[in-house]
Amino acid sequence: MHWIYLLLATGAFVIAMRTTSLALMAVCLLASLGLFVAWVLGWYAARVGDSGRDESQMIDPAELRRLRELAEARKRAAAQAQQTPAEPPLQ
């Protein structure tokens, strides 16, 4: 949809350059500027909208709590493994 604004802006600019009327030229230049700004805003909205997060990929609170508990359990297991002394070598 935003590409239509660019085409209309280009058309208004072409009309402004080919006319001999000063009033029509001013109106067409203002229209061209406005349509160009509308195109830029539409293009930006389309780009940002495509990079939004997929809500189905978000973690719900229960899953987040489960992951935190797993991380804490791993941390405790690693701390216990470091605290237990190694067995003496066999001779």
Protein backbone atom coordinates (compact mmCIF):
# COMPACT_ATOMS: atom_id res chain seq x y z
CA MET A 1 0.00 0.00 0.00
CA HIS A 2 2.77 2.44 0.83
CA TRP A 3 4.22 2.08 -2.68
CA ILE A 4 1.14 3.81 -4.06
CA TYR A 5 2.15 6.91 -2.10
CA LEU A 6 5.54 6.89 -3.81
CA LEU A 7 3.95 6.61 -7.24
CA LEU A 8 1.53 9.45 -6.48
CA ALA A 9 4.36 11.58 -5.10
CA THR A 10 6.36 11.02 -8.28
CA GLY A 11 3.34 11.89 -10.40
CA ALA A 12 2.68 15.08 -8.45
CA PHE A 13 6.34 16.06 -8.82
CA VAL A 14 6.27 15.48 -12.57
CA ILE A 15 3.13 17.62 -12.87
CA ALA A 16 4.80 20.35 -10.79
CA MET A 17 7.83 20.39 -13.09
CA ARG A 18 5.79 20.52 -16.32
CA THR A 19 3.17 23.12 -15.38
CA THR A 20 3.41 26.81 -16.15
CA SER A 21 1.06 27.85 -13.35
CA LEU A 22 2.81 28.93 -10.15
CA ALA A 23 -0.18 28.05 -7.95
CA LEU A 24 -0.51 24.56 -9.43
CA MET A 25 3.22 24.02 -9.06
CA ALA A 26 3.11 24.98 -5.37
CA VAL A 27 0.14 22.69 -4.71
CA CYS A 28 1.76 19.78 -6.56
CA LEU A 29 5.09 20.24 -4.74
CA LEU A 30 3.34 20.27 -1.37
CA ALA A 31 1.32 17.21 -2.36
CA SER A 32 4.48 15.48 -3.53
CA LEU A 33 6.23 16.23 -0.25
CA GLY A 34 3.27 15.01 1.80
CA LEU A 35 2.92 11.82 -0.22
CA PHE A 36 6.65 11.17 0.03
CA VAL A 37 6.50 11.50 3.83
CA ALA A 38 3.49 9.16 3.86
CA TRP A 39 5.49 6.66 1.80
CA VAL A 40 8.46 6.83 4.20
CA LEU A 41 6.20 6.32 7.23
CA GLY A 42 4.41 3.41 5.56
CA TRP A 43 7.69 1.81 4.55
CA TYR A 44 9.03 2.18 8.09
CA ALA A 45 5.86 0.70 9.59
CA ALA A 46 6.07 -2.26 7.23
CA ARG A 47 9.71 -2.89 8.12
CA VAL A 48 9.15 -2.66 11.87
CA GLY A 49 6.00 -4.75 11.67
CA ASP A 50 7.88 -7.60 9.97
CA SER A 51 10.52 -7.72 12.69
CA GLY A 52 8.06 -7.97 15.58
CA ARG A 53 8.16 -10.92 17.93
CA ASP A 54 6.04 -13.97 17.36
CA GLU A 55 3.82 -14.17 20.41
CA SER A 56 3.67 -17.95 20.22
CA GLN A 57 7.42 -18.04 20.92
CA MET A 58 7.12 -16.11 24.19
CA ILE A 59 7.67 -17.98 27.44
CA ASP A 60 4.76 -18.12 29.83
CA PRO A 61 5.37 -17.59 33.59
CA ALA A 62 5.08 -21.30 34.45
CA GLU A 63 7.70 -22.25 31.87
CA LEU A 64 9.97 -19.43 33.03
CA ARG A 65 9.70 -20.63 36.64
CA ARG A 66 10.54 -24.18 35.56
CA LEU A 67 13.60 -22.98 33.65
CA ARG A 68 14.79 -20.97 36.66
CA GLU A 69 14.40 -24.01 38.92
CA LEU A 70 16.43 -26.10 36.46
CA ALA A 71 19.16 -23.45 36.36
CA GLU A 72 19.29 -23.27 40.16
CA ALA A 73 19.48 -27.08 40.40
CA ARG A 74 22.37 -27.14 37.92
CA LYS A 75 24.13 -24.38 39.84
CA ARG A 76 23.77 -26.29 43.12
CA ALA A 77 25.02 -29.51 41.53
CA ALA A 78 28.05 -27.72 40.11
CA ALA A 79 28.80 -26.12 43.49
CA GLN A 80 28.54 -29.51 45.26
CA ALA A 81 30.81 -31.13 42.69
CA GLN A 82 33.46 -28.50 43.35
CA GLN A 83 33.20 -28.84 47.13
CA THR A 84 33.54 -32.63 47.33
CA PRO A 85 37.22 -33.61 47.43
CA ALA A 86 38.55 -35.81 44.68
CA GLU A 87 39.34 -39.42 45.53
CA PRO A 88 42.99 -40.12 46.20
CA PRO A 89 44.81 -41.81 43.34
CA LEU A 90 45.12 -45.59 43.52
CA GLN A 91 48.57 -47.03 44.00
